Amino acid sequence: MKTLLARVLLYALIIISTSFGEETPLNPQRVDDATINSKLSLISEDDVKIYFRDQQKPQNDIPVSTSETSQLGSSGFSAERNTVVVIHGWKSSVKSEFNVVLSEAYLSKYNINLLVVDWSRVANDLYLIASASVEKIGQIVGNYIKTLQHKFQLDLNKTAIVGHSLGAHVAGIAGRTVGGEANYLIGLDPAWPLFVVLHRNIRIRPTDAKFVQVIHTSDVGIQGPLGHSDYYPNGGLRQPGCLPAAFDLCSHVRAYQLLAESIKTGRFIAKQCRNYLSFRFGCRGSQSYMGEFYIDKKARGTYFLDTNSKPPYAKD
């Protein structure tokens, strides 16, 4: 209760103190419902671009969106390989660090089909509009995955969906749209503002895939458990090496930086504990590896670990 009260007070103070500053998820620019609904009604498949990358063409973004799926046949896509769908968050795009970092990590290690979702036309709008658009964007991505199932024999048992911030909730809806049948889903610090109450029904949840792992790294993300297994590096709040800030972007992006390192090295050993304090006092819970490509699907509950303040983040 004290933690919840503190978060509410912090949220109020941030809005008051930054009401005339740059828009952030914690300080969203106000917009009326009519404008939001009008924007939502205009969202279409054209607002979601999807690009193909693989080890043979790691730097080439081959457009394979819904209207361009015919290009997938000549892109190098193979239904025999594992497929990973990555989805960025607010104010991001196909060229953002999230996609650069994860693409390099995945393709440096694995010969997979990497599908990069670019919903920047909507994601770069006001936060109130972008957050309200999560469901429609997720449904478009999910229906695209269904198209690949039917036209290109995509195997959902070999398919993973990964999303950061607002993109984590988009990933959840995409997984929900394909009946929760994707192999696994990773939510990277799923966005908190407006998703505790207002958009609660469209946030990432355990039933969105056969297995859902969530990594929490900042107060910008939802702190409560959202998946089958939830990992809290350094307690899940401000990360080492990040300075205190009203909108802690440094800690927020650490989620995908940790995942990228885990894919390449697989060295993040976490321990199942009731809370971070219990972890620091040496709780005797079971161990689990956080992240990685072949993730720990047996893990259930909340896990904690400490990391370094700079790469390599994993402690020896």
C-alpha atoms as a PDB file:
ATOM      1  CA  MET A   1       0.000   0.000   0.000  1.00  0.00           C
ATOM      2  CA  LYS A   2       2.824   2.401   0.879  1.00  0.00           C
ATOM      3  CA  THR A   3       4.542   1.616  -2.424  1.00  0.00           C
ATOM      4  CA  LEU A   4       1.339   2.276  -4.375  1.00  0.00           C
ATOM      5  CA  LEU A   5       0.757   5.554  -2.517  1.00  0.00           C
ATOM      6  CA  ALA A   6       4.324   6.620  -3.214  1.00  0.00           C
ATOM      7  CA  ARG A   7       3.886   5.927  -6.929  1.00  0.00           C
ATOM      8  CA  VAL A   8       0.644   7.912  -7.041  1.00  0.00           C
ATOM      9  CA  LEU A   9       2.260  10.858  -5.256  1.00  0.00           C
ATOM     10  CA  LEU A  10       5.290  10.679  -7.539  1.00  0.00           C
ATOM     11  CA  TYR A  11       3.040  10.659 -10.605  1.00  0.00           C
ATOM     12  CA  ALA A  12       1.146  13.703  -9.332  1.00  0.00           C
ATOM     13  CA  LEU A  13       4.333  15.607  -8.547  1.00  0.00           C
ATOM     14  CA  ILE A  14       5.813  14.846 -11.948  1.00  0.00           C
ATOM     15  CA  ILE A  15       2.708  16.085 -13.758  1.00  0.00           C
ATOM     16  CA  ILE A  16       2.645  19.281 -11.690  1.00  0.00           C
ATOM     17  CA  SER A  17       6.361  19.976 -11.975  1.00  0.00           C
ATOM     18  CA  THR A  18       6.658  19.203 -15.708  1.00  0.00           C
ATOM     19  CA  SER A  19       3.286  20.327 -16.999  1.00  0.00           C
ATOM     20  CA  PHE A  20       4.909  22.921 -19.229  1.00  0.00           C
ATOM     21  CA  GLY A  21       7.852  20.772 -20.288  1.00  0.00           C
ATOM     22  CA  GLU A  22       8.488  18.106 -22.893  1.00  0.00           C
ATOM     23  CA  GLU A  23       5.855  15.393 -23.172  1.00  0.00           C
ATOM     24  CA  THR A  24       6.707  12.061 -21.543  1.00  0.00           C
ATOM     25  CA  PRO A  25       4.503   9.066 -20.645  1.00  0.00           C
ATOM     26  CA  LEU A  26       4.464  10.476 -17.116  1.00  0.00           C
ATOM     27  CA  ASN A  27       3.547  13.918 -18.424  1.00  0.00           C
ATOM     28  CA  PRO A  28       1.246  13.238 -21.379  1.00  0.00           C
ATOM     29  CA  GLN A  29      -0.061  16.154 -23.404  1.00  0.00           C
ATOM     30  CA  ARG A  30      -3.803  16.373 -22.934  1.00  0.00           C
ATOM     31  CA  VAL A  31      -6.147  15.608 -25.805  1.00  0.00           C
ATOM     32  CA  ASP A  32      -9.920  15.206 -25.860  1.00  0.00           C
ATOM     33  CA  ASP A  33     -11.678  11.857 -26.359  1.00  0.00           C
ATOM     34  CA  ALA A  34     -13.145  12.916 -29.696  1.00  0.00           C
ATOM     35  CA  THR A  35      -9.672  13.496 -31.118  1.00  0.00           C
ATOM     36  CA  ILE A  36      -8.435  10.154 -29.789  1.00  0.00           C
ATOM     37  CA  ASN A  37     -11.409   8.282 -31.240  1.00  0.00           C
ATOM     38  CA  SER A  38     -11.014  10.040 -34.569  1.00  0.00           C
ATOM     39  CA  LYS A  39      -7.345   9.054 -34.739  1.00  0.00           C
ATOM     40  CA  LEU A  40      -8.134   5.447 -33.796  1.00  0.00           C
ATOM     41  CA  SER A  41     -10.753   5.186 -36.530  1.00  0.00           C
ATOM     42  CA  LEU A  42      -8.139   6.113 -39.141  1.00  0.00           C
ATOM     43  CA  ILE A  43      -5.572   3.456 -38.177  1.00  0.00           C
ATOM     44  CA  SER A  44      -5.116   0.858 -40.909  1.00  0.00           C
ATOM     45  CA  GLU A  45      -2.657  -1.793 -42.095  1.00  0.00           C
ATOM     46  CA  ASP A  46      -0.812   0.988 -43.929  1.00  0.00           C
ATOM     47  CA  ASP A  47       0.287   2.366 -40.544  1.00  0.00           C
ATOM     48  CA  VAL A  48       2.204  -0.819 -39.743  1.00  0.00           C
ATOM     49  CA  LYS A  49       5.299  -1.561 -41.795  1.00  0.00           C
ATOM     50  CA  ILE A  50       7.095  -4.884 -41.386  1.00  0.00           C
ATOM     51  CA  TYR A  51      10.631  -5.633 -42.536  1.00  0.00           C
ATOM     52  CA  PHE A  52      12.523  -8.897 -42.936  1.00  0.00           C
ATOM     53  CA  ARG A  53      16.107  -9.436 -41.803  1.00  0.00           C
ATOM     54  CA  ASP A  54      18.258 -12.559 -41.551  1.00  0.00           C
ATOM     55  CA  GLN A  55      21.930 -13.523 -41.245  1.00  0.00           C
ATOM     56  CA  GLN A  56      22.413 -13.263 -45.002  1.00  0.00           C
ATOM     57  CA  LYS A  57      20.928  -9.741 -45.121  1.00  0.00           C
ATOM     58  CA  PRO A  58      21.325  -8.324 -41.586  1.00  0.00           C
ATOM     59  CA  GLN A  59      21.532  -4.719 -42.806  1.00  0.00           C
ATOM     60  CA  ASN A  60      18.841  -4.986 -45.478  1.00  0.00           C
ATOM     61  CA  ASP A  61      15.289  -4.100 -44.504  1.00  0.00           C
ATOM     62  CA  ILE A  62      13.166  -6.000 -47.000  1.00  0.00           C
ATOM     63  CA  PRO A  63       9.582  -4.656 -46.862  1.00  0.00           C
ATOM     64  CA  VAL A  64       7.179  -7.546 -46.307  1.00  0.00           C
ATOM     65  CA  SER A  65       4.124  -5.748 -44.915  1.00  0.00           C
ATOM     66  CA  THR A  66       0.584  -6.992 -45.507  1.00  0.00           C
ATOM     67  CA  SER A  67       0.457  -5.440 -48.984  1.00  0.00           C
ATOM     68  CA  GLU A  68       3.950  -6.732 -49.760  1.00  0.00           C
ATOM     69  CA  THR A  69       3.907 -10.317 -48.462  1.00  0.00           C
ATOM     70  CA  SER A  70       4.662 -11.556 -51.982  1.00  0.00           C
ATOM     71  CA  GLN A  71       8.218 -10.327 -51.413  1.00  0.00           C
ATOM     72  CA  LEU A  72       8.576 -12.675 -48.458  1.00  0.00           C
ATOM     73  CA  GLY A  73       8.922 -15.629 -50.817  1.00  0.00           C
ATOM     74  CA  SER A  74      12.086 -14.166 -52.363  1.00  0.00           C
ATOM     75  CA  SER A  75      13.400 -12.542 -49.185  1.00  0.00           C
ATOM     76  CA  GLY A  76      15.066 -15.626 -47.751  1.00  0.00           C
ATOM     77  CA  PHE A  77      12.256 -16.386 -45.310  1.00  0.00           C
ATOM     78  CA  SER A  78      12.086 -20.065 -44.368  1.00  0.00           C
ATOM     79  CA  ALA A  79       9.292 -21.711 -42.395  1.00  0.00           C
ATOM     80  CA  GLU A  80      11.867 -24.273 -41.240  1.00  0.00           C
ATOM     81  CA  ARG A  81      13.662 -21.645 -39.160  1.00  0.00           C
ATOM     82  CA  ASN A  82      12.613 -19.993 -35.927  1.00  0.00           C
ATOM     83  CA  THR A  83      10.911 -16.627 -36.352  1.00  0.00           C
ATOM     84  CA  VAL A  84      11.174 -13.659 -33.990  1.00  0.00           C
ATOM     85  CA  VAL A  85       8.870 -10.636 -34.270  1.00  0.00           C
ATOM     86  CA  VAL A  86      10.218  -7.492 -32.565  1.00  0.00           C
ATOM     87  CA  ILE A  87       8.031  -4.481 -31.737  1.00  0.00           C
ATOM     88  CA  HIS A  88       9.329  -1.069 -30.649  1.00  0.00           C
ATOM     89  CA  GLY A  89       7.696   1.337 -28.226  1.00  0.00           C
ATOM     90  CA  TRP A  90       6.655   4.981 -28.118  1.00  0.00           C
ATOM     91  CA  LYS A  91       8.598   7.558 -30.160  1.00  0.00           C
ATOM     92  CA  SER A  92      10.578   4.816 -31.893  1.00  0.00           C
ATOM     93  CA  SER A  93      10.878   3.310 -35.372  1.00  0.00           C
ATOM     94  CA  VAL A  94      12.566   0.586 -37.395  1.00  0.00           C
ATOM     95  CA  LYS A  95      15.836   2.556 -37.142  1.00  0.00           C
ATOM     96  CA  SER A  96      15.692   3.034 -33.357  1.00  0.00           C
ATOM     97  CA  GLU A  97      18.291   1.623 -30.967  1.00  0.00           C
ATOM     98  CA  PHE A  98      15.886  -1.094 -29.793  1.00  0.00           C
ATOM     99  CA  ASN A  99      15.812  -2.661 -33.258  1.00  0.00           C
ATOM    100  CA  VAL A 100      19.510  -2.096 -33.925  1.00  0.00           C
ATOM    101  CA  VAL A 101      20.592  -3.716 -30.652  1.00  0.00           C
ATOM    102  CA  LEU A 102      18.243  -6.701 -30.792  1.00  0.00           C
ATOM    103  CA  SER A 103      18.793  -7.342 -34.503  1.00  0.00           C
ATOM    104  CA  GLU A 104      22.542  -7.491 -33.985  1.00  0.00           C
ATOM    105  CA  ALA A 105      22.164  -9.800 -30.990  1.00  0.00           C
ATOM    106  CA  TYR A 106      19.792 -12.254 -32.650  1.00  0.00           C
ATOM    107  CA  LEU A 107      21.450 -12.378 -36.057  1.00  0.00           C
ATOM    108  CA  SER A 108      24.998 -12.607 -34.706  1.00  0.00           C
ATOM    109  CA  LYS A 109      24.035 -15.864 -32.984  1.00  0.00           C
ATOM    110  CA  TYR A 110      21.084 -17.445 -34.760  1.00  0.00           C
ATOM    111  CA  ASN A 111      19.977 -18.113 -38.320  1.00  0.00           C
ATOM    112  CA  ILE A 112      16.381 -16.973 -37.845  1.00  0.00           C
ATOM    113  CA  ASN A 113      13.662 -15.063 -39.633  1.00  0.00           C
ATOM    114  CA  LEU A 114      13.626 -11.641 -37.959  1.00  0.00           C
ATOM    115  CA  LEU A 115      10.488  -9.585 -38.585  1.00  0.00           C
ATOM    116  CA  VAL A 116      10.835  -5.965 -37.485  1.00  0.00           C
ATOM    117  CA  VAL A 117       7.552  -4.156 -36.895  1.00  0.00           C
ATOM    118  CA  ASP A 118       7.536  -0.409 -37.536  1.00  0.00           C
ATOM    119  CA  TRP A 119       4.414   1.322 -36.231  1.00  0.00           C
ATOM    120  CA  SER A 120       6.131   4.704 -35.941  1.00  0.00           C
ATOM    121  CA  ARG A 121       3.341   6.564 -37.766  1.00  0.00           C
ATOM    122  CA  VAL A 122       1.208   5.973 -34.689  1.00  0.00           C
ATOM    123  CA  ALA A 123       3.920   5.519 -32.057  1.00  0.00           C
ATOM    124  CA  ASN A 124       5.246   9.019 -32.692  1.00  0.00           C
ATOM    125  CA  ASP A 125       1.890  10.614 -31.921  1.00  0.00           C
ATOM    126  CA  LEU A 126       0.940  11.965 -28.480  1.00  0.00           C
ATOM    127  CA  TYR A 127       1.236   9.369 -25.711  1.00  0.00           C
ATOM    128  CA  LEU A 128      -2.508   9.386 -25.015  1.00  0.00           C
ATOM    129  CA  ILE A 129      -3.154   8.539 -28.659  1.00  0.00           C
ATOM    130  CA  ALA A 130      -0.300   6.035 -29.048  1.00  0.00           C
ATOM    131  CA  SER A 131      -1.274   4.152 -25.882  1.00  0.00           C
ATOM    132  CA  ALA A 132      -4.934   3.991 -26.932  1.00  0.00           C
ATOM    133  CA  SER A 133      -3.807   2.578 -30.302  1.00  0.00           C
ATOM    134  CA  VAL A 134      -2.090  -0.474 -28.802  1.00  0.00           C
ATOM    135  CA  GLU A 135      -5.048  -2.795 -29.364  1.00  0.00           C
ATOM    136  CA  LYS A 136      -5.535  -1.926 -33.042  1.00  0.00           C
ATOM    137  CA  ILE A 137      -1.817  -2.105 -33.807  1.00  0.00           C
ATOM    138  CA  GLY A 138      -1.514  -5.436 -31.999  1.00  0.00           C
ATOM    139  CA  GLN A 139      -4.452  -6.857 -33.925  1.00  0.00           C
ATOM    140  CA  ILE A 140      -2.882  -5.781 -37.219  1.00  0.00           C
ATOM    141  CA  VAL A 141       0.383  -7.505 -36.276  1.00  0.00           C
ATOM    142  CA  GLY A 142      -1.479 -10.596 -35.086  1.00  0.00           C
ATOM    143  CA  ASN A 143      -3.489 -10.824 -38.303  1.00  0.00           C
ATOM    144  CA  TYR A 144      -0.258 -10.447 -40.269  1.00  0.00           C
ATOM    145  CA  ILE A 145       1.174 -13.437 -38.396  1.00  0.00           C
ATOM    146  CA  LYS A 146      -1.979 -15.377 -39.290  1.00  0.00           C
ATOM    147  CA  THR A 147      -1.402 -14.490 -42.945  1.00  0.00           C
ATOM    148  CA  LEU A 148       2.110 -15.929 -42.735  1.00  0.00           C
ATOM    149  CA  GLN A 149       0.656 -19.094 -41.219  1.00  0.00           C
ATOM    150  CA  HIS A 150      -1.707 -19.593 -44.124  1.00  0.00           C
ATOM    151  CA  LYS A 151       0.447 -18.388 -47.024  1.00  0.00           C
ATOM    152  CA  PHE A 152       3.960 -19.333 -45.917  1.00  0.00           C
ATOM    153  CA  GLN A 153       3.380 -22.161 -43.407  1.00  0.00           C
ATOM    154  CA  LEU A 154       4.748 -20.130 -40.487  1.00  0.00           C
ATOM    155  CA  ASP A 155       4.925 -22.441 -37.462  1.00  0.00           C
ATOM    156  CA  LEU A 156       3.706 -20.717 -34.280  1.00  0.00           C
ATOM    157  CA  ASN A 157       5.616 -23.309 -32.253  1.00  0.00           C
ATOM    158  CA  LYS A 158       8.763 -21.736 -33.699  1.00  0.00           C
ATOM    159  CA  THR A 159       7.577 -18.143 -33.346  1.00  0.00           C
ATOM    160  CA  ALA A 160       8.424 -15.632 -30.606  1.00  0.00           C
ATOM    161  CA  ILE A 161       7.154 -12.074 -30.140  1.00  0.00           C
ATOM    162  CA  VAL A 162       9.270  -9.472 -28.321  1.00  0.00           C
ATOM    163  CA  GLY A 163       8.136  -5.954 -27.423  1.00  0.00           C
ATOM    164  CA  HIS A 164       9.500  -3.005 -25.448  1.00  0.00           C
ATOM    165  CA  SER A 165       7.478  -0.456 -23.448  1.00  0.00           C
ATOM    166  CA  LEU A 166       4.230   0.215 -25.352  1.00  0.00           C
ATOM    167  CA  GLY A 167       5.497  -2.397 -27.781  1.00  0.00           C
ATOM    168  CA  ALA A 168       5.255  -5.013 -25.025  1.00  0.00           C
ATOM    169  CA  HIS A 169       1.505  -4.434 -24.852  1.00  0.00           C
ATOM    170  CA  VAL A 170       1.284  -4.469 -28.659  1.00  0.00           C
ATOM    171  CA  ALA A 171       3.107  -7.814 -28.547  1.00  0.00           C
ATOM    172  CA  GLY A 172       0.577  -9.083 -26.024  1.00  0.00           C
ATOM    173  CA  ILE A 173      -2.365  -8.150 -28.245  1.00  0.00           C
ATOM    174  CA  ALA A 174      -0.632  -9.691 -31.269  1.00  0.00           C
ATOM    175  CA  GLY A 175      -0.177 -12.917 -29.325  1.00  0.00           C
ATOM    176  CA  ARG A 176      -3.796 -12.774 -28.171  1.00  0.00           C
ATOM    177  CA  THR A 177      -4.932 -12.325 -31.775  1.00  0.00           C
ATOM    178  CA  VAL A 178      -3.274 -15.607 -32.778  1.00  0.00           C
ATOM    179  CA  GLY A 179      -4.997 -17.380 -29.898  1.00  0.00           C
ATOM    180  CA  GLY A 180      -2.061 -17.359 -27.483  1.00  0.00           C
ATOM    181  CA  GLU A 181      -0.389 -20.046 -29.610  1.00  0.00           C
ATOM    182  CA  ALA A 182       2.987 -18.357 -30.184  1.00  0.00           C
ATOM    183  CA  ASN A 183       5.881 -20.286 -28.655  1.00  0.00           C
ATOM    184  CA  TYR A 184       6.817 -17.475 -26.285  1.00  0.00           C
ATOM    185  CA  LEU A 185       6.512 -13.753 -25.725  1.00  0.00           C
ATOM    186  CA  ILE A 186       8.956 -11.414 -23.993  1.00  0.00           C
ATOM    187  CA  GLY A 187       7.737  -8.128 -22.540  1.00  0.00           C
ATOM    188  CA  LEU A 188      10.541  -5.642 -21.922  1.00  0.00           C
ATOM    189  CA  ASP A 189       9.608  -3.148 -19.199  1.00  0.00           C
ATOM    190  CA  PRO A 190       5.940  -2.921 -20.320  1.00  0.00           C
ATOM    191  CA  ALA A 191       4.743   0.683 -20.123  1.00  0.00           C
ATOM    192  CA  TRP A 192       3.015   1.638 -16.862  1.00  0.00           C
ATOM    193  CA  PRO A 193       1.298   5.020 -17.534  1.00  0.00           C
ATOM    194  CA  LEU A 194      -2.407   4.419 -18.286  1.00  0.00           C
ATOM    195  CA  PHE A 195      -2.041   0.622 -18.248  1.00  0.00           C
ATOM    196  CA  VAL A 196      -2.785   0.079 -14.563  1.00  0.00           C
ATOM    197  CA  VAL A 197      -6.438   1.160 -14.787  1.00  0.00           C
ATOM    198  CA  LEU A 198      -7.560   2.799 -18.060  1.00  0.00           C
ATOM    199  CA  HIS A 199      -5.945   0.321 -20.481  1.00  0.00           C
ATOM    200  CA  ARG A 200      -5.717  -2.609 -18.081  1.00  0.00           C
ATOM    201  CA  ASN A 201      -7.599  -4.949 -20.440  1.00  0.00           C
ATOM    202  CA  ILE A 202      -5.166  -4.447 -23.312  1.00  0.00           C
ATOM    203  CA  ARG A 203      -1.912  -4.891 -21.456  1.00  0.00           C
ATOM    204  CA  ILE A 204       0.342  -7.936 -21.741  1.00  0.00           C
ATOM    205  CA  ARG A 205      -0.849 -11.020 -19.811  1.00  0.00           C
ATOM    206  CA  PRO A 206       0.245 -14.664 -19.297  1.00  0.00           C
ATOM    207  CA  THR A 207      -2.352 -16.063 -21.706  1.00  0.00           C
ATOM    208  CA  ASP A 208      -0.972 -14.085 -24.668  1.00  0.00           C
ATOM    209  CA  ALA A 209       1.428 -16.925 -25.574  1.00  0.00           C
ATOM    210  CA  LYS A 210       2.300 -20.428 -24.476  1.00  0.00           C
ATOM    211  CA  PHE A 211       4.936 -18.817 -22.269  1.00  0.00           C
ATOM    212  CA  VAL A 212       5.325 -15.171 -21.285  1.00  0.00           C
ATOM    213  CA  GLN A 213       8.480 -13.745 -19.723  1.00  0.00           C
ATOM    214  CA  VAL A 214       8.638 -10.141 -18.510  1.00  0.00           C
ATOM    215  CA  ILE A 215      11.745  -8.131 -17.594  1.00  0.00           C
ATOM    216  CA  HIS A 216      11.173  -5.094 -15.350  1.00  0.00           C
ATOM    217  CA  THR A 217      13.849  -2.386 -15.215  1.00  0.00           C
ATOM    218  CA  SER A 218      12.279   0.973 -14.332  1.00  0.00           C
ATOM    219  CA  ASP A 219       9.477   2.864 -12.652  1.00  0.00           C
ATOM    220  CA  VAL A 220       8.235   3.782 -16.126  1.00  0.00           C
ATOM    221  CA  GLY A 221       7.225   0.143 -16.474  1.00  0.00           C
ATOM    222  CA  ILE A 222       4.554  -1.794 -14.590  1.00  0.00           C
ATOM    223  CA  GLN A 223       6.064  -3.228 -11.417  1.00  0.00           C
ATOM    224  CA  GLY A 224       3.550  -5.995 -10.742  1.00  0.00           C
ATOM    225  CA  PRO A 225       3.961  -9.466 -12.289  1.00  0.00           C
ATOM    226  CA  LEU A 226       2.542  -9.785 -15.799  1.00  0.00           C
ATOM    227  CA  GLY A 227       3.848 -13.095 -17.119  1.00  0.00           C
ATOM    228  CA  HIS A 228       4.523 -16.694 -16.181  1.00  0.00           C
ATOM    229  CA  SER A 229       7.937 -15.518 -14.998  1.00  0.00           C
ATOM    230  CA  ASP A 230       8.885 -11.951 -14.097  1.00  0.00           C
ATOM    231  CA  TYR A 231      12.498 -10.827 -13.682  1.00  0.00           C
ATOM    232  CA  TYR A 232      13.570  -7.794 -11.676  1.00  0.00           C
ATOM    233  CA  PRO A 233      17.215  -6.840 -12.325  1.00  0.00           C
ATOM    234  CA  ASN A 234      18.479  -4.721  -9.422  1.00  0.00           C
ATOM    235  CA  GLY A 235      14.982  -4.723  -7.943  1.00  0.00           C
ATOM    236  CA  GLY A 236      13.320  -3.639 -11.190  1.00  0.00           C
ATOM    237  CA  LEU A 237      13.637   0.098 -10.581  1.00  0.00           C
ATOM    238  CA  ARG A 238      16.541   2.485 -11.239  1.00  0.00           C
ATOM    239  CA  GLN A 239      19.393   0.563 -12.808  1.00  0.00           C
ATOM    240  CA  PRO A 240      23.057   0.958 -11.823  1.00  0.00           C
ATOM    241  CA  GLY A 241      24.780   3.632 -13.878  1.00  0.00           C
ATOM    242  CA  CYS A 242      21.528   5.552 -14.440  1.00  0.00           C
ATOM    243  CA  LEU A 243      21.068   8.934 -12.790  1.00  0.00           C
ATOM    244  CA  PRO A 244      17.824   9.829 -10.962  1.00  0.00           C
ATOM    245  CA  ALA A 245      15.292  11.308 -13.380  1.00  0.00           C
ATOM    246  CA  ALA A 246      11.562  12.015 -13.480  1.00  0.00           C
ATOM    247  CA  PHE A 247      11.357   9.963 -16.677  1.00  0.00           C
ATOM    248  CA  ASP A 248      14.080   7.336 -16.278  1.00  0.00           C
ATOM    249  CA  LEU A 249      14.723   6.478 -19.919  1.00  0.00           C
ATOM    250  CA  CYS A 250      18.167   5.102 -19.057  1.00  0.00           C
ATOM    251  CA  SER A 251      16.668   2.369 -16.863  1.00  0.00           C
ATOM    252  CA  HIS A 252      13.744   1.846 -19.239  1.00  0.00           C
ATOM    253  CA  VAL A 253      15.959   0.956 -22.218  1.00  0.00           C
ATOM    254  CA  ARG A 254      18.189  -1.234 -20.048  1.00  0.00           C
ATOM    255  CA  ALA A 255      15.561  -3.975 -20.453  1.00  0.00           C
ATOM    256  CA  TYR A 256      16.390  -4.590 -24.105  1.00  0.00           C
ATOM    257  CA  GLN A 257      20.104  -4.053 -23.515  1.00  0.00           C
ATOM    258  CA  LEU A 258      20.031  -6.871 -20.961  1.00  0.00           C
ATOM    259  CA  LEU A 259      18.031  -9.118 -23.280  1.00  0.00           C
ATOM    260  CA  ALA A 260      20.508  -8.501 -26.110  1.00  0.00           C
ATOM    261  CA  GLU A 261      23.431  -9.469 -23.892  1.00  0.00           C
ATOM    262  CA  SER A 262      21.593 -12.547 -22.639  1.00  0.00           C
ATOM    263  CA  ILE A 263      21.050 -13.723 -26.227  1.00  0.00           C
ATOM    264  CA  LYS A 264      24.772 -13.475 -26.931  1.00  0.00           C
ATOM    265  CA  THR A 265      26.180 -14.736 -23.618  1.00  0.00           C
ATOM    266  CA  GLY A 266      23.368 -16.343 -21.587  1.00  0.00           C
ATOM    267  CA  ARG A 267      24.872 -15.454 -18.220  1.00  0.00           C
ATOM    268  CA  PHE A 268      22.082 -13.764 -16.253  1.00  0.00           C
ATOM    269  CA  ILE A 269      21.318 -16.102 -13.363  1.00  0.00           C
ATOM    270  CA  ALA A 270      18.330 -14.965 -11.285  1.00  0.00           C
ATOM    271  CA  LYS A 271      16.903 -16.350  -8.062  1.00  0.00           C
ATOM    272  CA  GLN A 272      13.242 -16.869  -7.220  1.00  0.00           C
ATOM    273  CA  CYS A 273      12.377 -14.754  -4.165  1.00  0.00           C
ATOM    274  CA  ARG A 274       9.370 -12.980  -2.653  1.00  0.00           C
ATOM    275  CA  ASN A 275      10.930  -9.556  -3.180  1.00  0.00           C
ATOM    276  CA  TYR A 276      14.240  -7.786  -3.746  1.00  0.00           C
ATOM    277  CA  LEU A 277      14.936  -7.382  -0.041  1.00  0.00           C
ATOM    278  CA  SER A 278      14.569 -11.119   0.421  1.00  0.00           C
ATOM    279  CA  PHE A 279      16.958 -11.648  -2.490  1.00  0.00           C
ATOM    280  CA  ARG A 280      19.559  -9.332  -0.964  1.00  0.00           C
ATOM    281  CA  PHE A 281      19.312 -11.228   2.303  1.00  0.00           C
ATOM    282  CA  GLY A 282      20.063 -14.492   0.516  1.00  0.00           C
ATOM    283  CA  CYS A 283      16.725 -16.207  -0.059  1.00  0.00           C
ATOM    284  CA  ARG A 284      17.002 -19.862  -1.042  1.00  0.00           C
ATOM    285  CA  GLY A 285      14.752 -19.866  -4.084  1.00  0.00           C
ATOM    286  CA  SER A 286      15.403 -21.796  -7.275  1.00  0.00           C
ATOM    287  CA  GLN A 287      17.605 -20.352 -10.005  1.00  0.00           C
ATOM    288  CA  SER A 288      16.591 -19.385 -13.521  1.00  0.00           C
ATOM    289  CA  TYR A 289      18.305 -17.801 -16.502  1.00  0.00           C
ATOM    290  CA  MET A 290      16.824 -14.457 -17.530  1.00  0.00           C
ATOM    291  CA  GLY A 291      16.320 -13.776 -21.215  1.00  0.00           C
ATOM    292  CA  GLU A 292      18.260 -15.785 -23.803  1.00  0.00           C
ATOM    293  CA  PHE A 293      16.989 -17.175 -27.097  1.00  0.00           C
ATOM    294  CA  TYR A 294      15.939 -20.545 -25.689  1.00  0.00           C
ATOM    295  CA  ILE A 295      14.263 -19.109 -22.624  1.00  0.00           C
ATOM    296  CA  ASP A 296      13.557 -20.933 -19.365  1.00  0.00           C
ATOM    297  CA  LYS A 297       9.940 -22.019 -19.829  1.00  0.00           C
ATOM    298  CA  LYS A 298       9.880 -23.946 -16.560  1.00  0.00           C
ATOM    299  CA  ALA A 299      10.268 -20.746 -14.542  1.00  0.00           C
ATOM    300  CA  ARG A 300       7.252 -19.532 -12.580  1.00  0.00           C
ATOM    301  CA  GLY A 301       6.954 -16.518 -10.290  1.00  0.00           C
ATOM    302  CA  THR A 302       9.239 -13.581  -9.523  1.00  0.00           C
ATOM    303  CA  TYR A 303      13.015 -13.649  -9.915  1.00  0.00           C
ATOM    304  CA  PHE A 304      15.705 -11.195  -8.868  1.00  0.00           C
ATOM    305  CA  LEU A 305      19.331 -10.576  -9.785  1.00  0.00           C
ATOM    306  CA  ASP A 306      21.974  -7.876  -9.652  1.00  0.00           C
ATOM    307  CA  THR A 307      23.877  -6.590 -12.669  1.00  0.00           C
ATOM    308  CA  ASN A 308      26.845  -4.369 -13.435  1.00  0.00           C
ATOM    309  CA  SER A 309      26.432  -0.702 -14.317  1.00  0.00           C
ATOM    310  CA  LYS A 310      27.895  -1.085 -17.819  1.00  0.00           C
ATOM    311  CA  PRO A 311      28.513  -3.866 -20.363  1.00  0.00           C
ATOM    312  CA  PRO A 312      29.065  -6.654 -19.740  1.00  0.00           C
ATOM    313  CA  TYR A 313      26.063  -6.298 -17.443  1.00  0.00           C
ATOM    314  CA  ALA A 314      26.110  -9.891 -16.202  1.00  0.00           C
ATOM    315  CA  LYS A 315      28.028 -10.414 -12.981  1.00  0.00           C
ATOM    316  CA  ASP A 316      30.605 -13.209 -12.910  1.00  0.00           C
END
